[in-house]
Protein backbone atom coordinates (compact mmCIF):
# COMPACT_ATOMS: atom_id res chain seq x y z
CA MET A 1 -0.08 0.38 -0.07
CA ARG A 2 1.34 3.57 -0.56
CA ALA A 3 2.83 4.70 2.09
CA THR A 4 1.27 8.01 1.59
CA MET A 5 -2.19 6.53 1.52
CA ARG A 6 -4.67 8.04 3.90
CA SER A 7 -8.08 6.68 4.80
CA THR A 8 -10.92 8.07 6.42
CA LEU A 9 -12.93 4.45 6.97
CA PRO A 10 -12.00 1.67 8.57
CA VAL A 11 -13.72 -0.27 5.11
CA LEU A 12 -11.26 1.48 2.91
CA LEU A 13 -8.42 0.12 4.37
CA VAL A 14 -10.22 -3.33 4.46
CA LEU A 15 -11.30 -2.14 1.39
CA ILE A 16 -7.65 -0.61 -0.38
CA ALA A 17 -5.44 -3.62 1.14
CA ALA A 18 -7.20 -6.80 -0.49
CA THR A 19 -6.84 -4.53 -4.13
CA THR A 20 -3.54 -3.68 -3.38
CA GLN A 21 -2.05 -7.36 -1.73
CA ALA A 22 -2.63 -8.91 -5.87
CA ALA A 23 -2.91 -6.15 -8.68
CA ASP A 24 -2.53 -8.82 -11.08
CA PHE A 25 -4.33 -10.71 -14.05
CA ALA A 26 -6.06 -13.37 -11.28
CA THR A 27 -7.30 -10.68 -9.31
CA PHE A 28 -8.49 -8.86 -12.44
CA SER A 29 -10.07 -11.51 -13.51
CA ARG A 30 -11.73 -12.05 -10.58
CA TRP A 31 -13.27 -8.63 -10.70
CA LEU A 32 -14.07 -8.69 -13.68
CA ASP A 33 -16.58 -12.58 -12.58
CA GLU A 34 -17.50 -10.97 -9.60
CA HIS A 35 -18.58 -7.30 -11.47
CA ALA A 36 -19.86 -8.30 -14.56
CA ASP A 37 -22.82 -8.38 -14.18
CA ALA A 38 -22.54 -4.10 -12.74
CA PRO A 39 -25.22 -1.88 -14.30
CA SER A 40 -24.89 0.48 -16.29
CA ASP A 41 -27.04 2.53 -13.79
CA GLY A 42 -26.17 0.52 -10.82
CA LEU A 43 -24.78 4.26 -9.14
CA ALA A 44 -27.00 7.14 -8.53
CA ALA A 45 -26.51 10.50 -10.43
CA GLY A 46 -23.90 12.95 -7.67
CA ALA A 47 -21.53 13.13 -5.74
CA TYR A 48 -19.21 10.63 -4.98
CA ASP A 49 -16.04 11.54 -2.44
CA ALA A 50 -14.21 8.82 -0.54
CA SER A 51 -16.34 8.14 1.97
CA ARG A 52 -18.16 6.38 -0.76
CA LEU A 53 -15.28 4.90 -2.57
CA ALA A 54 -17.05 0.95 -1.62
CA GLU A 55 -19.64 2.28 -4.01
CA LEU A 56 -17.29 2.25 -7.05
CA THR A 57 -15.52 -1.02 -6.39
CA PRO A 58 -17.90 -2.62 -9.64
CA TYR A 59 -16.78 -0.86 -11.72
CA LEU A 60 -12.99 0.53 -10.89
CA PRO A 61 -9.97 -2.48 -11.83
CA PRO A 62 -8.39 -3.90 -8.97
CA GLY A 63 -4.98 -1.22 -8.67
CA TYR A 64 -6.86 1.78 -10.26
CA LEU A 65 -8.77 1.68 -7.55
CA GLU A 66 -6.98 2.55 -5.34
CA GLU A 67 -5.88 5.68 -6.58
CA PHE A 68 -9.32 7.20 -6.17
CA ASN A 69 -8.00 6.36 -1.91
CA PHE A 70 -7.40 10.07 -1.30
CA PRO A 71 -9.68 12.41 1.50
CA GLU A 72 -10.30 15.75 -1.82
CA LEU A 73 -11.78 13.30 -4.13
CA ALA A 74 -14.70 14.66 -5.74
CA LEU A 75 -16.47 12.57 -8.60
CA GLU A 76 -19.33 14.20 -10.09
CA LEU A 77 -21.32 11.22 -11.45
CA THR A 78 -23.78 12.32 -14.61
CA PRO A 79 -26.17 9.43 -15.99
CA THR A 80 -24.66 7.55 -19.63
CA ARG A 81 -25.79 9.20 -22.07
CA HIS A 82 -25.44 7.82 -25.85
CA TYR A 83 -23.34 9.21 -28.55
CA ALA A 84 -24.19 7.55 -31.91
CA PRO A 85 -21.02 8.34 -34.45
CA HIS A 86 -22.74 10.54 -37.25
CA ALA A 87 -25.29 9.20 -39.84
CA LEU A 88 -22.97 9.62 -42.49
CA TYR A 89 -20.71 6.51 -40.59
CA THR A 90 -23.99 5.10 -39.51
CA GLN A 91 -24.95 4.20 -43.47
CA ALA A 92 -21.68 3.12 -44.19
CA THR A 93 -22.75 0.56 -41.69
CA GLU A 94 -25.90 -0.33 -42.05
CA ARG A 95 -24.17 -0.91 -45.44
CA PHE A 96 -21.30 -3.31 -44.88
CA ILE A 97 -21.64 -4.09 -41.60
CA ASP A 98 -20.62 -7.77 -41.18
CA GLN A 99 -19.38 -7.48 -44.18
CA ALA A 100 -15.84 -7.72 -43.32
CA SER A 101 -14.06 -11.51 -41.89
CA ILE A 102 -10.77 -12.57 -39.39
CA GLY A 103 -7.90 -13.50 -41.69
CA ALA A 104 -6.29 -16.96 -40.31
CA GLY A 105 -3.38 -14.18 -39.20
CA GLY A 106 -6.22 -11.92 -37.47
CA GLU A 107 -6.43 -9.35 -40.22
CA LEU A 108 -9.24 -7.24 -41.49
CA LEU A 109 -10.34 -9.03 -44.68
CA ALA A 110 -13.31 -7.91 -47.10
CA TYR A 111 -13.61 -4.40 -45.35
CA THR A 112 -14.85 -1.46 -46.83
CA ALA A 113 -16.39 1.55 -44.34
CA GLY A 114 -18.40 1.72 -41.24
CA ARG A 115 -18.03 -0.50 -38.38
CA PRO A 116 -16.65 -3.87 -39.50
CA PHE A 117 -18.58 -5.76 -36.63
CA SER A 118 -22.20 -5.87 -35.44
CA LEU A 119 -22.43 -6.12 -31.45
CA ARG A 120 -24.45 -9.90 -32.40
CA ALA A 121 -21.44 -11.35 -33.92
CA ILE A 122 -18.83 -9.49 -31.48
CA THR A 123 -20.51 -11.65 -29.35
CA ALA A 124 -21.19 -14.51 -31.44
CA ALA A 125 -17.96 -16.06 -32.47
CA PRO A 126 -15.20 -17.54 -30.53
CA ALA A 127 -13.10 -15.81 -27.43
CA GLU A 128 -9.42 -15.19 -29.84
CA GLN A 129 -12.08 -14.50 -33.13
CA ALA A 130 -14.32 -12.25 -31.33
CA GLY A 131 -10.41 -10.85 -29.50
CA TYR A 132 -10.06 -8.99 -33.01
CA MET A 133 -13.16 -7.77 -34.25
CA VAL A 134 -13.72 -5.06 -31.25
CA ALA A 135 -9.53 -4.32 -32.15
CA TRP A 136 -10.67 -3.55 -35.51
CA ASN A 137 -13.78 -1.99 -34.76
CA HIS A 138 -11.92 0.37 -32.78
CA ILE A 139 -9.11 0.78 -35.36
CA GLN A 140 -12.01 1.70 -38.17
CA ARG A 141 -14.05 3.56 -35.31
CA TRP A 142 -15.56 6.91 -36.40
CA GLN A 143 -12.91 9.52 -36.90
CA TYR A 144 -13.74 11.74 -39.72
CA TYR A 145 -11.17 12.81 -41.52
CA GLY A 146 -8.58 12.54 -38.21
CA TYR A 147 -7.69 15.26 -35.74
CA HIS A 148 -5.00 17.59 -35.21
CA ASN A 149 -4.44 19.58 -31.58
CA HIS A 150 -1.11 21.10 -29.09
CA ALA A 151 -0.75 18.88 -26.06
CA VAL A 152 1.21 19.31 -22.96
CA VAL A 153 3.55 15.74 -21.08
CA SER A 154 4.05 16.15 -18.05
CA PHE A 155 6.56 14.30 -15.80
CA ILE A 156 5.37 14.37 -12.16
CA LYS A 157 6.82 12.81 -9.67
CA PRO A 158 5.26 12.09 -6.06
CA THR A 159 5.67 14.07 -2.86
CA ALA A 160 5.30 14.28 0.05
CA ASP A 161 1.56 13.18 2.56
CA GLY A 162 -0.08 16.53 1.75
CA VAL A 163 2.44 18.46 -0.10
CA ARG A 164 2.25 20.19 -3.61
CA GLY A 165 4.42 20.50 -5.26
CA THR A 166 5.30 21.95 -8.30
CA LEU A 167 1.82 21.81 -11.00
CA LEU A 168 1.18 22.64 -14.20
CA GLU A 169 -2.31 24.89 -14.56
CA GLY A 170 -5.36 22.38 -14.47
CA MET A 171 -3.60 20.58 -12.19
CA GLN A 172 -5.33 20.60 -8.42
CA GLY A 173 -3.96 17.62 -6.64
CA GLU A 174 -0.42 16.21 -5.32
CA GLY A 175 2.75 15.05 -7.11
CA HIS A 176 5.66 17.49 -8.70
CA VAL A 177 5.90 18.51 -11.92
CA ASP A 178 9.72 17.53 -13.00
CA ARG A 179 9.88 18.49 -16.69
CA SER A 180 7.32 18.70 -18.70
CA VAL A 181 7.19 18.94 -22.96
CA THR A 182 4.75 20.32 -25.75
CA MET A 183 4.12 19.21 -28.57
CA PHE A 184 2.38 20.03 -31.98
CA TYR A 185 -0.20 16.42 -32.99
CA HIS A 186 -2.04 15.37 -36.61
CA ARG A 187 -3.29 11.86 -37.74
CA VAL A 188 -5.03 12.04 -40.98
CA TYR A 189 -6.95 8.86 -42.31
CA LEU A 190 -6.91 8.26 -46.31
CA SER A 191 -8.91 5.19 -47.03
CA GLY A 192 -12.49 3.64 -44.79
CA LEU A 193 -13.50 6.80 -44.95
CA ALA A 194 -17.86 7.17 -44.24
CA MET A 195 -17.91 10.63 -45.88
CA LEU A 196 -16.21 9.97 -49.52
CA PRO A 197 -18.12 7.05 -51.65
CA ASP A 198 -18.28 8.21 -54.14
CA SER A 199 -14.13 7.63 -54.48
CA ASP A 200 -14.33 4.59 -52.91
CA TYR A 201 -14.08 5.83 -49.10
CA ARG A 202 -11.17 7.09 -49.85
CA MET A 203 -8.68 10.38 -49.90
CA PRO A 204 -7.70 11.40 -53.73
CA VAL A 205 -4.57 11.11 -52.82
CA ASP A 206 -1.23 8.47 -53.78
CA GLY A 207 -1.06 5.62 -51.87
CA ALA A 208 -4.45 6.20 -50.47
CA ASP A 209 -5.50 2.34 -51.62
CA LYS A 210 -2.06 0.90 -49.51
CA LEU A 211 -2.22 3.89 -46.58
CA LEU A 212 -5.05 4.00 -43.01
CA PHE A 213 -3.83 6.85 -42.32
CA LYS A 214 -0.90 8.50 -41.51
CA GLU A 215 0.56 10.53 -38.03
CA TYR A 216 2.69 13.96 -37.94
CA LEU A 217 4.65 14.61 -34.44
CA GLU A 218 6.45 17.72 -33.70
CA LEU A 219 8.09 18.48 -30.08
CA LEU A 220 7.95 21.79 -29.97
CA SER A 221 9.96 22.30 -26.65
CA PRO A 222 12.25 22.31 -24.14
CA PHE A 223 15.42 23.26 -26.37
CA ASP A 224 16.67 20.26 -25.99
CA ILE A 225 14.98 18.05 -27.71
CA ALA A 226 12.33 20.86 -29.56
CA GLY A 227 12.25 20.02 -33.25
CA LEU A 228 12.21 16.22 -33.30
CA LYS A 229 9.90 15.12 -35.79
CA LEU A 230 8.09 12.19 -36.76
CA VAL A 231 5.99 10.72 -39.51
CA ILE A 232 4.22 7.62 -38.91
CA GLU A 233 2.41 5.79 -42.37
CA ARG A 234 0.02 3.11 -41.17
CA PRO A 235 -0.42 0.38 -44.09
CA LEU A 236 -3.70 -1.52 -44.41
CA ASP A 237 -2.07 -4.62 -44.79
CA GLN A 238 -0.04 -4.33 -40.86
CA THR A 239 1.42 -7.49 -42.51
CA LEU A 240 3.95 -5.12 -43.65
CA GLY A 241 3.97 -2.70 -40.37
CA ASP A 242 4.32 0.55 -39.74
CA GLN A 243 6.35 2.60 -41.73
CA VAL A 244 8.16 5.53 -38.82
CA ASN A 245 10.46 8.50 -39.58
CA SER A 246 12.31 10.04 -37.31
CA TYR A 247 14.30 13.17 -37.89
CA LEU A 248 16.85 14.27 -34.92
CA PRO A 249 17.21 17.52 -34.57
CA SER A 250 20.79 16.80 -33.44
CA GLU A 251 22.15 14.28 -35.94
CA ARG A 252 20.37 16.80 -38.51
CA ARG A 253 19.34 13.41 -40.25
CA VAL A 254 15.96 11.29 -40.81
CA ARG A 255 16.22 8.03 -39.74
CA ARG A 256 13.23 5.22 -39.77
CA LEU A 257 13.19 3.74 -36.93
CA SER A 258 12.43 -0.51 -35.84
CA ALA A 259 9.49 -1.74 -34.55
CA LYS A 260 11.34 -2.43 -31.63
CA GLU A 261 11.71 0.61 -30.96
CA ARG A 262 7.94 1.52 -31.01
CA ALA A 263 8.33 -1.05 -27.39
CA ASP A 264 10.60 2.21 -25.84
CA ARG A 265 9.02 4.72 -24.01
CA TRP A 266 8.95 6.81 -25.81
CA ILE A 267 10.53 10.22 -24.83
CA GLY A 268 11.23 9.11 -20.95
CA THR A 269 7.73 8.69 -20.43
CA HIS A 270 5.93 5.44 -19.27
CA TRP A 271 4.34 5.32 -22.39
CA THR A 272 5.80 3.26 -25.69
CA LEU A 273 4.34 4.92 -29.51
CA ASP A 274 2.06 2.13 -29.28
CA ASP A 275 -0.30 3.29 -25.65
CA PHE A 276 -1.45 6.68 -27.29
CA GLU A 277 -5.09 6.87 -25.91
CA GLY A 278 -4.42 3.70 -24.23
CA TYR A 279 -3.18 1.49 -27.20
CA SER A 280 -2.26 3.39 -31.12
CA GLY A 281 -0.62 0.14 -32.86
CA LEU A 282 -0.74 -2.82 -34.94
CA VAL A 283 -3.27 -4.91 -34.52
CA LEU A 284 -1.06 -7.37 -35.62
CA ASP A 285 1.32 -6.92 -32.62
CA ASN A 286 -1.29 -9.23 -30.42
CA THR A 287 -3.21 -11.18 -30.08
CA TRP A 288 -6.09 -11.04 -29.69
CA ARG A 289 -8.81 -12.33 -26.86
CA TYR A 290 -13.03 -11.62 -25.98
CA LEU A 291 -13.45 -11.30 -22.25
CA GLY A 292 -16.27 -10.02 -22.46
CA ARG A 293 -18.73 -7.12 -21.29
CA LYS A 294 -17.86 -4.26 -18.44
CA VAL A 295 -19.25 -1.09 -17.47
CA VAL A 296 -16.88 1.25 -15.86
CA LEU A 297 -16.42 4.42 -14.79
CA HIS A 298 -15.08 7.11 -16.96
CA VAL A 299 -14.70 10.73 -18.49
CA PRO A 300 -16.65 10.59 -22.11
CA SER A 301 -17.48 14.60 -22.13
CA SER A 302 -15.48 16.29 -20.00
CA LYS A 303 -16.72 19.67 -18.39
CA HIS A 304 -13.71 21.42 -18.85
CA LYS A 305 -11.40 22.72 -21.43
CA LEU A 306 -8.29 22.08 -19.86
CA ALA A 307 -8.63 18.92 -17.96
CA GLN A 308 -8.44 18.81 -14.07
CA MET A 309 -6.67 16.81 -11.90
CA HIS A 310 -6.14 15.76 -8.80
CA GLY A 311 -5.47 12.91 -6.44
CA PRO A 312 -2.04 12.19 -5.06
CA LEU A 313 -0.57 12.38 -8.06
CA SER A 314 -2.64 15.10 -9.73
CA ILE A 315 -4.46 12.17 -12.75
CA ILE A 316 -7.46 11.06 -11.92
CA PRO A 317 -9.93 13.37 -13.33
CA LEU A 318 -12.05 16.36 -11.50
CA ASP A 319 -14.47 16.06 -13.72
CA ARG A 320 -18.08 14.60 -14.08
CA TRP A 321 -17.62 10.53 -15.39
CA GLN A 322 -20.16 8.35 -16.55
CA LEU A 323 -20.86 4.72 -16.55
CA ARG A 324 -19.79 2.97 -20.00
CA PRO A 325 -20.58 -0.26 -21.39
CA CYS A 326 -17.58 -1.46 -22.84
CA LEU A 327 -16.09 -4.32 -24.72
CA VAL A 328 -13.19 -5.86 -22.86
CA VAL A 329 -10.01 -7.87 -24.86
CA GLU A 330 -6.77 -9.42 -23.60
CA ALA A 331 -3.97 -8.16 -26.28
CA VAL A 332 -0.71 -10.79 -25.22
CA PRO A 333 2.05 -8.87 -27.65
CA LYS A 334 4.05 -11.88 -30.54
CA TRP A 335 7.54 -10.48 -29.21
CA ASP A 336 9.45 -12.11 -26.80
CA GLY A 337 11.11 -8.94 -25.91
CA HIS A 338 7.67 -7.08 -25.47
CA ALA A 339 8.35 -5.90 -21.75
CA TYR A 340 4.46 -5.65 -21.61
CA GLY A 341 3.32 -9.42 -20.94
CA ARG A 342 -0.01 -8.68 -22.03
CA ARG A 343 -3.01 -5.44 -21.96
CA VAL A 344 -6.24 -5.47 -21.41
CA LEU A 345 -8.59 -2.56 -22.89
CA PHE A 346 -11.93 -1.36 -22.51
CA VAL A 347 -13.24 -0.52 -25.32
CA ASP A 348 -16.55 2.09 -26.14
CA GLU A 349 -18.81 0.35 -27.27
CA GLU A 350 -20.60 2.87 -28.68
CA THR A 351 -17.41 5.42 -29.70
CA GLY A 352 -15.43 2.36 -30.21
CA SER A 353 -12.61 4.46 -27.97
CA ILE A 354 -10.45 3.05 -25.27
CA THR A 355 -10.72 4.13 -22.07
CA LEU A 356 -8.91 2.35 -19.75
CA ALA A 357 -5.41 0.11 -20.35
CA LEU A 358 -4.48 -2.47 -17.74
CA ILE A 359 -0.62 -3.30 -18.39
CA PHE A 360 0.61 -6.32 -16.79
CA ASP A 361 4.78 -7.04 -16.97
CA ARG A 362 5.67 -10.92 -18.10
CA ASN A 363 4.96 -12.76 -13.91
CA ASP A 364 1.43 -11.31 -14.84
CA HIS A 365 1.97 -8.50 -12.27
CA LEU A 366 0.17 -5.24 -13.16
CA PHE A 367 2.33 -1.97 -13.45
CA LYS A 368 0.82 1.02 -15.85
CA VAL A 369 -2.82 1.99 -15.57
CA ILE A 370 -3.64 4.50 -18.93
CA ALA A 371 -7.40 6.60 -18.70
CA THR A 372 -8.21 9.00 -20.99
CA VAL A 373 -10.21 11.76 -21.50
CA TYR A 374 -12.54 13.03 -23.73
CA GLU A 375 -14.97 16.04 -24.71
CA PHE A 376 -18.15 15.27 -26.54
CA SER A 377 -20.36 17.99 -28.06
CA ASP A 378 -23.44 17.18 -25.06
CA ASP A 379 -25.29 20.81 -26.85
CA LEU A 380 -25.68 19.90 -29.82
CA GLU A 381 -28.58 17.28 -30.98
CA ALA A 382 -26.96 16.71 -34.71
CA PRO A 383 -23.78 17.68 -34.37
CA PRO A 384 -21.97 17.86 -37.78
CA PRO A 385 -19.07 15.19 -38.94
CA GLU A 386 -15.89 17.51 -37.33
CA LEU A 387 -18.36 17.90 -33.96
CA SER A 388 -19.63 14.21 -34.05
CA THR A 389 -16.40 12.36 -32.25
CA PRO A 390 -15.24 12.12 -29.62
CA ARG A 391 -12.60 14.73 -28.85
CA TRP A 392 -9.42 14.38 -27.04
CA ARG A 393 -8.86 16.16 -24.16
CA ALA A 394 -5.88 14.39 -21.84
CA SER A 395 -4.26 11.00 -21.59
CA THR A 396 -2.97 9.86 -18.13
CA VAL A 397 -0.18 6.78 -17.49
CA LEU A 398 0.60 5.26 -14.07
CA ASN A 399 3.60 3.53 -13.24
CA LEU A 400 2.66 1.50 -10.12
CA GLU A 401 5.68 0.36 -9.40
CA GLN A 402 7.95 3.51 -9.19
CA ARG A 403 5.01 5.66 -8.16
CA THR A 404 5.25 8.15 -10.64
CA ALA A 405 3.07 9.27 -13.34
CA ASN A 406 2.36 11.66 -16.89
CA LEU A 407 -0.12 13.69 -17.93
CA ALA A 408 -1.60 14.33 -21.63
CA GLN A 409 -3.24 17.91 -21.64
CA SER A 410 -4.50 18.76 -24.48
CA SER A 411 -3.94 22.72 -24.90
CA SER A 412 -5.95 23.37 -27.37
CA GLU A 413 -9.08 21.69 -29.30
CA ALA A 414 -8.81 18.77 -31.07
CA GLU A 415 -9.75 20.26 -34.45
CA PHE A 416 -11.79 17.31 -36.81
CA GLU A 417 -11.17 19.06 -40.05
CA ALA A 418 -11.75 18.18 -44.37
CA VAL A 419 -8.50 18.91 -45.51
CA ASP A 420 -7.53 18.07 -49.05
CA ALA A 421 -4.71 16.07 -50.88
CA SER A 422 -2.45 19.24 -50.88
CA TYR A 423 -1.91 19.84 -47.33
CA VAL A 424 -1.26 15.61 -46.96
CA LYS A 425 1.15 16.29 -49.43
CA GLN A 426 2.56 18.98 -47.54
CA LEU A 427 2.49 17.85 -43.84
CA PHE A 428 3.14 14.29 -44.31
CA SER A 429 6.05 14.99 -46.51
CA VAL A 430 9.22 12.83 -45.44
CA SER A 431 10.93 15.26 -47.36
CA ASN A 432 10.10 18.06 -45.32
CA LEU A 433 10.96 16.57 -42.13
CA THR A 434 13.96 18.54 -41.66
CA SER A 435 12.49 22.32 -41.83
CA GLY A 436 10.11 24.07 -39.54
CA ARG A 437 6.18 23.63 -40.28
């Protein structure tokens, strides 16, 4: 148990001790079985503090639950809302749903646009096949043309009980920010575009028949790493692997990253390149298994433009939460040298976003927890395409062994905008990596 943890009631001491003693995959599996039937209306809307932590047990997995045990806990629970994708995506789904299939190696076959697999097909399939179905539904979720934004990434260390170190805007708890990094990010999808039926659901650019998306990432500060840039190309045929080109200002050259480097800690954080938004890697890099359906607590529609956090490391959202029905899958890396033994991902049934990711080491001990915060246009009855997706506001990653964390906060709106071919060619040109954006 964390030495600085302060409990408010004897029952909480028993609760936290029970979960902390064995935060491993077996403990998680027992929790999943025990609370599989916890309903999406199982908690009344209202304010929850540390004295009511026991009520949250069915909705927060062991290893993450105890992070909510601090005196200042303020969790606002709001009714569960429905977040249907835009009509363009729904129409494509109705046209093509369940026409795709899973190949012998887990590949997605005969996919055109929309959601590949229905919930009915997933729950009827064997667990191994269903796991791939959920994974591909996540990859092909409604994202319009993709999005861009600016973000601040903080490196957080613990402080003495009740002590606030140096914190950044939006961090209202404890902990100390050792350093921070600012960055710009843009992902653009080239194929599977539900709004482009007249061009075979592809953007009219070179390579759209072979690529799912392209990503651009640039570090803007601090000065010692400013100018580091990445261009990532995700192929439709995942057996080819991502093409990741990196420009390092210190070396003044562009180099290609290996697949193994994707499993390394990204710029010293507890995330890898495959951990963004819960999971952003290749489906075929893992063996997948469907574990069932589960309702969990999540922030799908933040009320803050800048994510607000509290708790001992300032990584617990101080926000409005919902109980979200999720599909739970396990992903075991195929590479024997990977530091991860397995991931457990909670995928929102409606949006396809990952609400929570549990990372287990090779000994099946839980050692990382990744959580996300999104924004949705609750005030719009029929949002236009650019406002009809969950918009990323923050991600947190906690290393349970080191008791350190990272917080990534969106410092600008996550803009889902239509883009044209000339913009794609300019932004994602590898030859332009050595020039300013």
